[in-house]
Amino acid sequence: SSAIELERAISTHIRQGDNVLEFGAQFASATKALCRRIGGDDDQGGGGTAILVDIQRKNDKAKSGRNKSRDLTPFLERDEKDDEESFADRVTLVELEKLDLWRRDLFSRSNNNNNNNNNN
C-alpha cells in the first residue's frame, strides 16, 4: 500500500490520545503522520502513545539502498533547541532481531514491564 493510502487510513481510524502499535514501521511519512495524529504530552491535549516495531538494521541513517529513508532521530531524541519535529514523548521503539519472533519479544517486554510495575 502507498504512503498516501496509509496516511488516509490513519486520519480516518486513529484519534488524538489513541495508543497504537505499528508493526513493520518504516519511520517515514506514514509513521510521522501516526505520531502527529495521536498527539503528545497530556497537557497539550494529546496523551497518545505509539509502539513502533521493526527489524533491527545495521545502519539506521543509511544514505543509499533499502534503508535510505530510515532516520530514527525524530522518534528517539528530543532537543528543545532544535526546530526539527520530535515524537520522543510518545514513542516506544522496539527493534526485533527476527520478525518471526515478534510475539515472544513483545510479550516478554510486556510481562517484564508488568512485573516491574507490580514490584513498585
PDB file of N, CA and C in Angstrom:
ATOM      1  N   SER A   1       0.834  -1.194   0.000  1.00  0.00           N
ATOM      2  CA  SER A   1       0.000   0.000   0.000  1.00  0.00           C
ATOM      3  C   SER A   1       0.873   1.249   0.000  1.00  0.00           C
ATOM      4  N   SER A   2       0.374   2.280  -0.593  1.00  0.00           N
ATOM      5  CA  SER A   2       1.152   3.501  -0.710  1.00  0.00           C
ATOM      6  C   SER A   2       1.080   4.323   0.565  1.00  0.00           C
ATOM      7  N   ALA A   3       2.016   5.227   0.706  1.00  0.00           N
ATOM      8  CA  ALA A   3       2.043   6.113   1.874  1.00  0.00           C
ATOM      9  C   ALA A   3       0.776   6.958   1.937  1.00  0.00           C
ATOM     10  N   ILE A   4       0.262   7.373   0.807  1.00  0.00           N
ATOM     11  CA  ILE A   4      -0.960   8.190   0.783  1.00  0.00           C
ATOM     12  C   ILE A   4      -2.136   7.395   1.341  1.00  0.00           C
ATOM     13  N   GLU A   5      -2.250   6.128   0.949  1.00  0.00           N
ATOM     14  CA  GLU A   5      -3.331   5.281   1.470  1.00  0.00           C
ATOM     15  C   GLU A   5      -3.189   5.067   2.966  1.00  0.00           C
ATOM     16  N   LEU A   6      -1.965   4.848   3.424  1.00  0.00           N
ATOM     17  CA  LEU A   6      -1.731   4.670   4.858  1.00  0.00           C
ATOM     18  C   LEU A   6      -2.089   5.930   5.634  1.00  0.00           C
ATOM     19  N   GLU A   7      -1.682   7.078   5.132  1.00  0.00           N
ATOM     20  CA  GLU A   7      -1.993   8.336   5.805  1.00  0.00           C
ATOM     21  C   GLU A   7      -3.497   8.596   5.818  1.00  0.00           C
ATOM     22  N   ARG A   8      -4.194   8.227   4.761  1.00  0.00           N
ATOM     23  CA  ARG A   8      -5.654   8.377   4.716  1.00  0.00           C
ATOM     24  C   ARG A   8      -6.311   7.471   5.763  1.00  0.00           C
ATOM     25  N   ALA A   9      -5.826   6.252   5.889  1.00  0.00           N
ATOM     26  CA  ALA A   9      -6.364   5.324   6.894  1.00  0.00           C
ATOM     27  C   ALA A   9      -6.084   5.841   8.307  1.00  0.00           C
ATOM     28  N   ILE A  10      -4.921   6.405   8.523  1.00  0.00           N
ATOM     29  CA  ILE A  10      -4.575   6.967   9.831  1.00  0.00           C
ATOM     30  C   ILE A  10      -5.542   8.094  10.181  1.00  0.00           C
ATOM     31  N   SER A  11      -5.783   8.989   9.244  1.00  0.00           N
ATOM     32  CA  SER A  11      -6.671  10.124   9.532  1.00  0.00           C
ATOM     33  C   SER A  11      -8.119   9.677   9.760  1.00  0.00           C
ATOM     34  N   THR A  12      -8.499   8.537   9.194  1.00  0.00           N
ATOM     35  CA  THR A  12      -9.858   8.030   9.353  1.00  0.00           C
ATOM     36  C   THR A  12     -10.044   7.260  10.657  1.00  0.00           C
ATOM     37  N   HIS A  13      -9.047   6.447  11.035  1.00  0.00           N
ATOM     38  CA  HIS A  13      -9.235   5.495  12.127  1.00  0.00           C
ATOM     39  C   HIS A  13      -8.520   5.838  13.426  1.00  0.00           C
ATOM     40  N   ILE A  14      -7.520   6.676  13.387  1.00  0.00           N
ATOM     41  CA  ILE A  14      -6.742   6.998  14.587  1.00  0.00           C
ATOM     42  C   ILE A  14      -7.166   8.357  15.110  1.00  0.00           C
ATOM     43  N   ARG A  15      -7.334   8.462  16.412  1.00  0.00           N
ATOM     44  CA  ARG A  15      -7.756   9.713  17.054  1.00  0.00           C
ATOM     45  C   ARG A  15      -6.697  10.192  18.034  1.00  0.00           C
ATOM     46  N   GLN A  16      -6.748  11.462  18.342  1.00  0.00           N
ATOM     47  CA  GLN A  16      -5.847  12.029  19.324  1.00  0.00           C
ATOM     48  C   GLN A  16      -6.042  11.292  20.646  1.00  0.00           C
ATOM     49  N   GLY A  17      -4.938  10.929  21.280  1.00  0.00           N
ATOM     50  CA  GLY A  17      -4.990  10.211  22.545  1.00  0.00           C
ATOM     51  C   GLY A  17      -4.992   8.701  22.416  1.00  0.00           C
ATOM     52  N   ASP A  18      -5.094   8.174  21.197  1.00  0.00           N
ATOM     53  CA  ASP A  18      -5.084   6.722  20.998  1.00  0.00           C
ATOM     54  C   ASP A  18      -3.714   6.141  21.333  1.00  0.00           C
ATOM     55  N   ASN A  19      -3.713   4.879  21.700  1.00  0.00           N
ATOM     56  CA  ASN A  19      -2.487   4.104  21.885  1.00  0.00           C
ATOM     57  C   ASN A  19      -2.437   3.102  20.743  1.00  0.00           C
ATOM     58  N   VAL A  20      -1.358   3.122  19.969  1.00  0.00           N
ATOM     59  CA  VAL A  20      -1.301   2.312  18.753  1.00  0.00           C
ATOM     60  C   VAL A  20      -0.008   1.508  18.670  1.00  0.00           C
ATOM     61  N   LEU A  21      -0.077   0.442  17.902  1.00  0.00           N
ATOM     62  CA  LEU A  21       1.065  -0.404  17.588  1.00  0.00           C
ATOM     63  C   LEU A  21       1.238  -0.382  16.082  1.00  0.00           C
ATOM     64  N   GLU A  22       2.401   0.033  15.620  1.00  0.00           N
ATOM     65  CA  GLU A  22       2.702  -0.041  14.187  1.00  0.00           C
ATOM     66  C   GLU A  22       3.747  -1.130  13.997  1.00  0.00           C
ATOM     67  N   PHE A  23       3.329  -2.209  13.397  1.00  0.00           N
ATOM     68  CA  PHE A  23       4.198  -3.353  13.164  1.00  0.00           C
ATOM     69  C   PHE A  23       4.778  -3.236  11.770  1.00  0.00           C
ATOM     70  N   GLY A  24       6.097  -3.253  11.664  1.00  0.00           N
ATOM     71  CA  GLY A  24       6.751  -3.048  10.378  1.00  0.00           C
ATOM     72  C   GLY A  24       6.906  -1.565  10.090  1.00  0.00           C
ATOM     73  N   ALA A  25       7.145  -0.795  11.131  1.00  0.00           N
ATOM     74  CA  ALA A  25       7.270   0.660  10.979  1.00  0.00           C
ATOM     75  C   ALA A  25       8.409   0.992  10.026  1.00  0.00           C
ATOM     76  N   GLN A  26       8.156   1.879   9.108  1.00  0.00           N
ATOM     77  CA  GLN A  26       9.187   2.297   8.164  1.00  0.00           C
ATOM     78  C   GLN A  26       9.820   3.630   8.557  1.00  0.00           C
ATOM     79  N   PHE A  27       9.267   4.282   9.577  1.00  0.00           N
ATOM     80  CA  PHE A  27       9.813   5.530  10.096  1.00  0.00           C
ATOM     81  C   PHE A  27       9.887   6.596   9.015  1.00  0.00           C
ATOM     82  N   ALA A  28       8.877   6.626   8.182  1.00  0.00           N
ATOM     83  CA  ALA A  28       8.793   7.620   7.109  1.00  0.00           C
ATOM     84  C   ALA A  28       7.508   8.421   7.306  1.00  0.00           C
ATOM     85  N   SER A  29       6.914   8.886   6.234  1.00  0.00           N
ATOM     86  CA  SER A  29       5.789   9.818   6.321  1.00  0.00           C
ATOM     87  C   SER A  29       4.573   9.232   7.043  1.00  0.00           C
ATOM     88  N   ALA A  30       4.258   7.962   6.836  1.00  0.00           N
ATOM     89  CA  ALA A  30       3.086   7.372   7.496  1.00  0.00           C
ATOM     90  C   ALA A  30       3.306   7.260   9.006  1.00  0.00           C
ATOM     91  N   THR A  31       4.505   6.884   9.424  1.00  0.00           N
ATOM     92  CA  THR A  31       4.801   6.792  10.851  1.00  0.00           C
ATOM     93  C   THR A  31       4.733   8.168  11.499  1.00  0.00           C
ATOM     94  N   LYS A  32       5.247   9.176  10.816  1.00  0.00           N
ATOM     95  CA  LYS A  32       5.180  10.543  11.340  1.00  0.00           C
ATOM     96  C   LYS A  32       3.732  11.021  11.416  1.00  0.00           C
ATOM     97  N   ALA A  33       2.923  10.698  10.413  1.00  0.00           N
ATOM     98  CA  ALA A  33       1.503  11.080  10.429  1.00  0.00           C
ATOM     99  C   ALA A  33       0.787  10.425  11.606  1.00  0.00           C
ATOM    100  N   LEU A  34       1.097   9.175  11.875  1.00  0.00           N
ATOM    101  CA  LEU A  34       0.511   8.467  13.003  1.00  0.00           C
ATOM    102  C   LEU A  34       0.893   9.154  14.317  1.00  0.00           C
ATOM    103  N   CYS A  35       2.154   9.494  14.477  1.00  0.00           N
ATOM    104  CA  CYS A  35       2.622  10.133  15.713  1.00  0.00           C
ATOM    105  C   CYS A  35       2.025  11.528  15.882  1.00  0.00           C
ATOM    106  N   ARG A  36       1.858  12.257  14.807  1.00  0.00           N
ATOM    107  CA  ARG A  36       1.208  13.575  14.887  1.00  0.00           C
ATOM    108  C   ARG A  36      -0.252  13.410  15.317  1.00  0.00           C
ATOM    109  N   ARG A  37      -0.911  12.419  14.748  1.00  0.00           N
ATOM    110  CA  ARG A  37      -2.347  12.219  14.969  1.00  0.00           C
ATOM    111  C   ARG A  37      -2.666  11.872  16.424  1.00  0.00           C
ATOM    112  N   ILE A  38      -1.853  11.030  17.050  1.00  0.00           N
ATOM    113  CA  ILE A  38      -2.146  10.618  18.423  1.00  0.00           C
ATOM    114  C   ILE A  38      -1.838  11.720  19.422  1.00  0.00           C
ATOM    115  N   GLY A  39      -1.067  12.705  19.027  1.00  0.00           N
ATOM    116  CA  GLY A  39      -0.756  13.812  19.923  1.00  0.00           C
ATOM    117  C   GLY A  39       0.394  13.492  20.839  1.00  0.00           C
ATOM    118  N   GLY A  40       0.707  14.467  21.656  1.00  0.00           N
ATOM    119  CA  GLY A  40       1.866  14.317  22.529  1.00  0.00           C
ATOM    120  C   GLY A  40       1.496  14.364  23.987  1.00  0.00           C
ATOM    121  N   ASP A  41       2.177  15.224  24.715  1.00  0.00           N
ATOM    122  CA  ASP A  41       2.021  15.333  26.158  1.00  0.00           C
ATOM    123  C   ASP A  41       0.577  15.603  26.549  1.00  0.00           C
ATOM    124  N   ASP A  42       0.156  15.054  27.678  1.00  0.00           N
ATOM    125  CA  ASP A  42      -1.213  15.217  28.177  1.00  0.00           C
ATOM    126  C   ASP A  42      -1.612  16.675  28.328  1.00  0.00           C
ATOM    127  N   ASP A  43      -0.678  17.536  28.754  1.00  0.00           N
ATOM    128  CA  ASP A  43      -1.035  18.934  28.981  1.00  0.00           C
ATOM    129  C   ASP A  43      -1.337  19.680  27.688  1.00  0.00           C
ATOM    130  N   GLN A  44      -1.033  19.061  26.555  1.00  0.00           N
ATOM    131  CA  GLN A  44      -1.350  19.653  25.261  1.00  0.00           C
ATOM    132  C   GLN A  44      -2.583  18.994  24.642  1.00  0.00           C
ATOM    133  N   GLY A  45      -3.268  18.159  25.402  1.00  0.00           N
ATOM    134  CA  GLY A  45      -4.491  17.533  24.912  1.00  0.00           C
ATOM    135  C   GLY A  45      -4.265  16.274  24.110  1.00  0.00           C
ATOM    136  N   GLY A  46      -3.043  15.779  24.049  1.00  0.00           N
ATOM    137  CA  GLY A  46      -2.755  14.582  23.267  1.00  0.00           C
ATOM    138  C   GLY A  46      -2.788  13.350  24.133  1.00  0.00           C
ATOM    139  N   GLY A  47      -1.616  12.959  24.585  1.00  0.00           N
ATOM    140  CA  GLY A  47      -1.513  11.842  25.504  1.00  0.00           C
ATOM    141  C   GLY A  47      -1.478  10.482  24.870  1.00  0.00           C
ATOM    142  N   GLY A  48      -1.505  10.395  23.541  1.00  0.00           N
ATOM    143  CA  GLY A  48      -1.433   9.096  22.889  1.00  0.00           C
ATOM    144  C   GLY A  48      -0.019   8.558  22.900  1.00  0.00           C
ATOM    145  N   THR A  49       0.087   7.253  22.704  1.00  0.00           N
ATOM    146  CA  THR A  49       1.394   6.610  22.629  1.00  0.00           C
ATOM    147  C   THR A  49       1.442   5.680  21.424  1.00  0.00           C
ATOM    148  N   ALA A  50       2.645   5.445  20.937  1.00  0.00           N
ATOM    149  CA  ALA A  50       2.842   4.535  19.812  1.00  0.00           C
ATOM    150  C   ALA A  50       3.988   3.590  20.126  1.00  0.00           C
ATOM    151  N   ILE A  51       3.760   2.317  19.874  1.00  0.00           N
ATOM    152  CA  ILE A  51       4.830   1.332  19.912  1.00  0.00           C
ATOM    153  C   ILE A  51       5.161   1.045  18.452  1.00  0.00           C
ATOM    154  N   LEU A  52       6.373   1.376  18.070  1.00  0.00           N
ATOM    155  CA  LEU A  52       6.817   1.211  16.683  1.00  0.00           C
ATOM    156  C   LEU A  52       7.758   0.013  16.625  1.00  0.00           C
ATOM    157  N   VAL A  53       7.370  -0.998  15.869  1.00  0.00           N
ATOM    158  CA  VAL A  53       8.102  -2.251  15.811  1.00  0.00           C
ATOM    159  C   VAL A  53       8.655  -2.456  14.412  1.00  0.00           C
ATOM    160  N   ASP A  54       9.938  -2.784  14.344  1.00  0.00           N
ATOM    161  CA  ASP A  54      10.554  -3.126  13.070  1.00  0.00           C
ATOM    162  C   ASP A  54      11.760  -4.015  13.348  1.00  0.00           C
ATOM    163  N   ILE A  55      12.333  -4.514  12.303  1.00  0.00           N
ATOM    164  CA  ILE A  55      13.513  -5.363  12.411  1.00  0.00           C
ATOM    165  C   ILE A  55      14.746  -4.483  12.609  1.00  0.00           C
ATOM    166  N   GLN A  56      15.725  -4.978  13.346  1.00  0.00           N
ATOM    167  CA  GLN A  56      16.968  -4.241  13.560  1.00  0.00           C
ATOM    168  C   GLN A  56      17.693  -4.055  12.228  1.00  0.00           C
ATOM    169  N   ARG A  57      18.283  -2.897  12.077  1.00  0.00           N
ATOM    170  CA  ARG A  57      19.086  -2.620  10.876  1.00  0.00           C
ATOM    171  C   ARG A  57      20.513  -2.340  11.315  1.00  0.00           C
ATOM    172  N   LYS A  58      21.449  -2.576  10.429  1.00  0.00           N
ATOM    173  CA  LYS A  58      22.846  -2.298  10.751  1.00  0.00           C
ATOM    174  C   LYS A  58      23.110  -0.807  10.837  1.00  0.00           C
ATOM    175  N   ASN A  59      22.491  -0.044   9.929  1.00  0.00           N
ATOM    176  CA  ASN A  59      22.745   1.388   9.879  1.00  0.00           C
ATOM    177  C   ASN A  59      21.434   2.116   9.670  1.00  0.00           C
ATOM    178  N   ASP A  60      20.960   2.815  10.699  1.00  0.00           N
ATOM    179  CA  ASP A  60      19.669   3.485  10.612  1.00  0.00           C
ATOM    180  C   ASP A  60      19.717   4.826   9.908  1.00  0.00           C
ATOM    181  N   LYS A  61      20.887   5.292   9.527  1.00  0.00           N
ATOM    182  CA  LYS A  61      20.977   6.541   8.778  1.00  0.00           C
ATOM    183  C   LYS A  61      21.661   6.287   7.435  1.00  0.00           C
ATOM    184  N   ALA A  62      21.311   5.177   6.822  1.00  0.00           N
ATOM    185  CA  ALA A  62      21.906   4.805   5.546  1.00  0.00           C
ATOM    186  C   ALA A  62      21.602   5.859   4.489  1.00  0.00           C
ATOM    187  N   LYS A  63      22.569   6.117   3.652  1.00  0.00           N
ATOM    188  CA  LYS A  63      22.411   7.113   2.593  1.00  0.00           C
ATOM    189  C   LYS A  63      21.908   6.514   1.293  1.00  0.00           C
ATOM    190  N   SER A  64      21.965   5.198   1.180  1.00  0.00           N
ATOM    191  CA  SER A  64      21.503   4.568  -0.052  1.00  0.00           C
ATOM    192  C   SER A  64      20.958   3.188   0.257  1.00  0.00           C
ATOM    193  N   GLY A  65      20.360   2.593  -0.742  1.00  0.00           N
ATOM    194  CA  GLY A  65      19.835   1.252  -0.595  1.00  0.00           C
ATOM    195  C   GLY A  65      18.464   1.232   0.055  1.00  0.00           C
ATOM    196  N   ARG A  66      18.084   0.067   0.518  1.00  0.00           N
ATOM    197  CA  ARG A  66      16.746  -0.162   1.053  1.00  0.00           C
ATOM    198  C   ARG A  66      16.427   0.702   2.267  1.00  0.00           C
ATOM    199  N   ASN A  67      17.427   1.056   3.080  1.00  0.00           N
ATOM    200  CA  ASN A  67      17.193   1.773   4.325  1.00  0.00           C
ATOM    201  C   ASN A  67      17.388   3.278   4.201  1.00  0.00           C
ATOM    202  N   LYS A  68      17.495   3.806   2.995  1.00  0.00           N
ATOM    203  CA  LYS A  68      17.888   5.201   2.854  1.00  0.00           C
ATOM    204  C   LYS A  68      16.932   6.202   3.503  1.00  0.00           C
ATOM    205  N   SER A  69      15.665   5.863   3.705  1.00  0.00           N
ATOM    206  CA  SER A  69      14.731   6.812   4.307  1.00  0.00           C
ATOM    207  C   SER A  69      14.537   6.583   5.800  1.00  0.00           C
ATOM    208  N   ARG A  70      15.236   5.664   6.380  1.00  0.00           N
ATOM    209  CA  ARG A  70      15.031   5.288   7.781  1.00  0.00           C
ATOM    210  C   ARG A  70      15.905   6.140   8.694  1.00  0.00           C
ATOM    211  N   ASP A  71      15.346   7.226   9.186  1.00  0.00           N
ATOM    212  CA  ASP A  71      16.028   8.102  10.130  1.00  0.00           C
ATOM    213  C   ASP A  71      15.231   8.077  11.431  1.00  0.00           C
ATOM    214  N   LEU A  72      15.808   7.512  12.465  1.00  0.00           N
ATOM    215  CA  LEU A  72      15.106   7.339  13.734  1.00  0.00           C
ATOM    216  C   LEU A  72      15.178   8.564  14.638  1.00  0.00           C
ATOM    217  N   THR A  73      15.948   9.563  14.262  1.00  0.00           N
ATOM    218  CA  THR A  73      16.169  10.730  15.121  1.00  0.00           C
ATOM    219  C   THR A  73      14.875  11.339  15.660  1.00  0.00           C
ATOM    220  N   PRO A  74      13.848  11.617  14.843  1.00  0.00           N
ATOM    221  CA  PRO A  74      12.638  12.240  15.394  1.00  0.00           C
ATOM    222  C   PRO A  74      11.892  11.365  16.393  1.00  0.00           C
ATOM    223  N   PHE A  75      12.164  10.065  16.389  1.00  0.00           N
ATOM    224  CA  PHE A  75      11.441   9.140  17.251  1.00  0.00           C
ATOM    225  C   PHE A  75      12.178   8.848  18.555  1.00  0.00           C
ATOM    226  N   LEU A  76      13.455   9.192  18.609  1.00  0.00           N
ATOM    227  CA  LEU A  76      14.261   8.851  19.774  1.00  0.00           C
ATOM    228  C   LEU A  76      14.773  10.054  20.550  1.00  0.00           C
ATOM    229  N   GLU A  77      14.947  11.178  19.896  1.00  0.00           N
ATOM    230  CA  GLU A  77      15.591  12.322  20.524  1.00  0.00           C
ATOM    231  C   GLU A  77      14.650  13.509  20.589  1.00  0.00           C
ATOM    232  N   ARG A  78      14.779  14.250  21.667  1.00  0.00           N
ATOM    233  CA  ARG A  78      14.004  15.482  21.817  1.00  0.00           C
ATOM    234  C   ARG A  78      14.971  16.576  22.213  1.00  0.00           C
ATOM    235  N   ASP A  79      15.151  17.526  21.332  1.00  0.00           N
ATOM    236  CA  ASP A  79      16.069  18.629  21.574  1.00  0.00           C
ATOM    237  C   ASP A  79      15.268  19.925  21.560  1.00  0.00           C
ATOM    238  N   GLU A  80      15.142  20.548  22.714  1.00  0.00           N
ATOM    239  CA  GLU A  80      14.338  21.769  22.837  1.00  0.00           C
ATOM    240  C   GLU A  80      14.863  22.894  21.953  1.00  0.00           C
ATOM    241  N   LYS A  81      16.169  22.900  21.670  1.00  0.00           N
ATOM    242  CA  LYS A  81      16.764  23.969  20.866  1.00  0.00           C
ATOM    243  C   LYS A  81      16.564  23.745  19.371  1.00  0.00           C
ATOM    244  N   ASP A  82      16.250  22.534  19.017  1.00  0.00           N
ATOM    245  CA  ASP A  82      16.142  22.154  17.609  1.00  0.00           C
ATOM    246  C   ASP A  82      14.716  22.380  17.115  1.00  0.00           C
ATOM    247  N   ASP A  83      14.574  22.890  15.909  1.00  0.00           N
ATOM    248  CA  ASP A  83      13.261  23.107  15.317  1.00  0.00           C
ATOM    249  C   ASP A  83      12.689  21.854  14.659  1.00  0.00           C
ATOM    250  N   GLU A  84      13.477  20.789  14.603  1.00  0.00           N
ATOM    251  CA  GLU A  84      13.011  19.543  13.995  1.00  0.00           C
ATOM    252  C   GLU A  84      11.863  18.960  14.810  1.00  0.00           C
ATOM    253  N   GLU A  85      10.931  18.361  14.125  1.00  0.00           N
ATOM    254  CA  GLU A  85       9.798  17.704  14.771  1.00  0.00           C
ATOM    255  C   GLU A  85      10.295  16.492  15.564  1.00  0.00           C
ATOM    256  N   SER A  86       9.762  16.295  16.768  1.00  0.00           N
ATOM    257  CA  SER A  86      10.166  15.175  17.605  1.00  0.00           C
ATOM    258  C   SER A  86       8.928  14.456  18.142  1.00  0.00           C
ATOM    259  N   PHE A  87       9.022  13.137  18.187  1.00  0.00           N
ATOM    260  CA  PHE A  87       7.939  12.317  18.714  1.00  0.00           C
ATOM    261  C   PHE A  87       8.405  11.498  19.909  1.00  0.00           C
ATOM    262  N   ALA A  88       9.566  11.830  20.448  1.00  0.00           N
ATOM    263  CA  ALA A  88      10.160  11.050  21.536  1.00  0.00           C
ATOM    264  C   ALA A  88       9.268  10.984  22.764  1.00  0.00           C
ATOM    265  N   ASP A  89       8.371  11.960  22.932  1.00  0.00           N
ATOM    266  CA  ASP A  89       7.486  11.982  24.099  1.00  0.00           C
ATOM    267  C   ASP A  89       6.359  10.963  24.012  1.00  0.00           C
ATOM    268  N   ARG A  90       6.155  10.341  22.862  1.00  0.00           N
ATOM    269  CA  ARG A  90       5.014   9.434  22.706  1.00  0.00           C
ATOM    270  C   ARG A  90       5.369   8.091  22.082  1.00  0.00           C
ATOM    271  N   VAL A  91       6.651   7.834  21.857  1.00  0.00           N
ATOM    272  CA  VAL A  91       7.062   6.651  21.107  1.00  0.00           C
ATOM    273  C   VAL A  91       7.893   5.701  21.958  1.00  0.00           C
ATOM    274  N   THR A  92       7.600   4.412  21.805  1.00  0.00           N
ATOM    275  CA  THR A  92       8.471   3.345  22.280  1.00  0.00           C
ATOM    276  C   THR A  92       8.907   2.588  21.034  1.00  0.00           C
ATOM    277  N   LEU A  93      10.197   2.518  20.830  1.00  0.00           N
ATOM    278  CA  LEU A  93      10.748   1.835  19.660  1.00  0.00           C
ATOM    279  C   LEU A  93      11.175   0.435  20.061  1.00  0.00           C
ATOM    280  N   VAL A  94      10.709  -0.552  19.306  1.00  0.00           N
ATOM    281  CA  VAL A  94      11.087  -1.943  19.530  1.00  0.00           C
ATOM    282  C   VAL A  94      11.703  -2.449  18.238  1.00  0.00           C
ATOM    283  N   GLU A  95      12.980  -2.828  18.320  1.00  0.00           N
ATOM    284  CA  GLU A  95      13.656  -3.394  17.161  1.00  0.00           C
ATOM    285  C   GLU A  95      13.892  -4.875  17.433  1.00  0.00           C
ATOM    286  N   LEU A  96      13.404  -5.700  16.533  1.00  0.00           N
ATOM    287  CA  LEU A  96      13.490  -7.142  16.681  1.00  0.00           C
ATOM    288  C   LEU A  96      14.630  -7.696  15.851  1.00  0.00           C
ATOM    289  N   GLU A  97      15.301  -8.684  16.400  1.00  0.00           N
ATOM    290  CA  GLU A  97      16.361  -9.342  15.652  1.00  0.00           C
ATOM    291  C   GLU A  97      15.780 -10.115  14.470  1.00  0.00           C
ATOM    292  N   LYS A  98      14.648 -10.785  14.709  1.00  0.00           N
ATOM    293  CA  LYS A  98      13.953 -11.542  13.664  1.00  0.00           C
ATOM    294  C   LYS A  98      12.472 -11.247  13.783  1.00  0.00           C
ATOM    295  N   LEU A  99      11.838 -10.944  12.670  1.00  0.00           N
ATOM    296  CA  LEU A  99      10.407 -10.630  12.713  1.00  0.00           C
ATOM    297  C   LEU A  99       9.554 -11.814  13.140  1.00  0.00           C
ATOM    298  N   ASP A 100       9.985 -13.035  12.808  1.00  0.00           N
ATOM    299  CA  ASP A 100       9.162 -14.184  13.154  1.00  0.00           C
ATOM    300  C   ASP A 100       9.119 -14.450  14.657  1.00  0.00           C
ATOM    301  N   LEU A 101       9.924 -13.731  15.444  1.00  0.00           N
ATOM    302  CA  LEU A 101       9.908 -13.870  16.898  1.00  0.00           C
ATOM    303  C   LEU A 101       9.163 -12.724  17.580  1.00  0.00           C
ATOM    304  N   TRP A 102       8.319 -12.008  16.833  1.00  0.00           N
ATOM    305  CA  TRP A 102       7.693 -10.802  17.367  1.00  0.00           C
ATOM    306  C   TRP A 102       6.812 -11.073  18.577  1.00  0.00           C
ATOM    307  N   ARG A 103       6.078 -12.160  18.568  1.00  0.00           N
ATOM    308  CA  ARG A 103       5.198 -12.452  19.721  1.00  0.00           C
ATOM    309  C   ARG A 103       6.019 -12.635  20.985  1.00  0.00           C
ATOM    310  N   ARG A 104       7.049 -13.447  20.891  1.00  0.00           N
ATOM    311  CA  ARG A 104       7.897 -13.702  22.057  1.00  0.00           C
ATOM    312  C   ARG A 104       8.516 -12.403  22.566  1.00  0.00           C
ATOM    313  N   ASP A 105       9.081 -11.612  21.674  1.00  0.00           N
ATOM    314  CA  ASP A 105       9.772 -10.394  22.071  1.00  0.00           C
ATOM    315  C   ASP A 105       8.821  -9.358  22.655  1.00  0.00           C
ATOM    316  N   LEU A 106       7.686  -9.128  22.004  1.00  0.00           N
ATOM    317  CA  LEU A 106       6.751  -8.120  22.506  1.00  0.00           C
ATOM    318  C   LEU A 106       6.108  -8.545  23.814  1.00  0.00           C
ATOM    319  N   PHE A 107       5.675  -9.806  23.911  1.00  0.00           N
ATOM    320  CA  PHE A 107       5.003 -10.242  25.124  1.00  0.00           C
ATOM    321  C   PHE A 107       5.972 -10.376  26.286  1.00  0.00           C
ATOM    322  N   SER A 108       7.218 -10.724  26.025  1.00  0.00           N
ATOM    323  CA  SER A 108       8.182 -10.784  27.129  1.00  0.00           C
ATOM    324  C   SER A 108       8.477  -9.376  27.643  1.00  0.00           C
ATOM    325  N   ARG A 109       8.502  -8.373  26.763  1.00  0.00           N
ATOM    326  CA  ARG A 109       8.679  -6.985  27.211  1.00  0.00           C
ATOM    327  C   ARG A 109       7.488  -6.551  28.049  1.00  0.00           C
ATOM    328  N   SER A 110       6.290  -6.906  27.600  1.00  0.00           N
ATOM    329  CA  SER A 110       5.077  -6.531  28.320  1.00  0.00           C
ATOM    330  C   SER A 110       5.052  -7.172  29.702  1.00  0.00           C
ATOM    331  N   ASN A 111       5.392  -8.448  29.787  1.00  0.00           N
ATOM    332  CA  ASN A 111       5.414  -9.137  31.079  1.00  0.00           C
ATOM    333  C   ASN A 111       6.466  -8.550  31.998  1.00  0.00           C
ATOM    334  N   ASN A 112       7.633  -8.195  31.460  1.00  0.00           N
ATOM    335  CA  ASN A 112       8.677  -7.578  32.275  1.00  0.00           C
ATOM    336  C   ASN A 112       8.222  -6.232  32.808  1.00  0.00           C
ATOM    337  N   ASN A 113       7.548  -5.435  31.978  1.00  0.00           N
ATOM    338  CA  ASN A 113       7.045  -4.138  32.425  1.00  0.00           C
ATOM    339  C   ASN A 113       5.991  -4.307  33.505  1.00  0.00           C
ATOM    340  N   ASN A 114       5.095  -5.284  33.352  1.00  0.00           N
ATOM    341  CA  ASN A 114       4.058  -5.533  34.357  1.00  0.00           C
ATOM    342  C   ASN A 114       4.675  -5.979  35.678  1.00  0.00           C
ATOM    343  N   ASN A 115       5.687  -6.850  35.611  1.00  0.00           N
ATOM    344  CA  ASN A 115       6.356  -7.300  36.826  1.00  0.00           C
ATOM    345  C   ASN A 115       7.058  -6.152  37.523  1.00  0.00           C
ATOM    346  N   ASN A 116       7.700  -5.266  36.760  1.00  0.00           N
ATOM    347  CA  ASN A 116       8.374  -4.119  37.348  1.00  0.00           C
ATOM    348  C   ASN A 116       7.378  -3.188  38.010  1.00  0.00           C
ATOM    349  N   ASN A 117       6.208  -2.969  37.393  1.00  0.00           N
ATOM    350  CA  ASN A 117       5.174  -2.107  37.964  1.00  0.00           C
ATOM    351  C   ASN A 117       4.599  -2.707  39.234  1.00  0.00           C
ATOM    352  N   ASN A 118       4.462  -4.034  39.290  1.00  0.00           N
ATOM    353  CA  ASN A 118       3.904  -4.688  40.466  1.00  0.00           C
ATOM    354  C   ASN A 118       4.867  -4.665  41.643  1.00  0.00           C
ATOM    355  N   ASN A 119       6.169  -4.575  41.345  1.00  0.00           N
ATOM    356  CA  ASN A 119       7.174  -4.545  42.398  1.00  0.00           C
ATOM    357  C   ASN A 119       7.354  -3.169  43.009  1.00  0.00           C
ATOM    358  N   ASN A 120       6.785  -2.137  42.395  1.00  0.00           N
ATOM    359  CA  ASN A 120       6.940  -0.771  42.918  1.00  0.00           C
ATOM    360  C   ASN A 120       5.887  -0.408  43.912  1.00  0.00           C
TER     361      ASN A 120
END
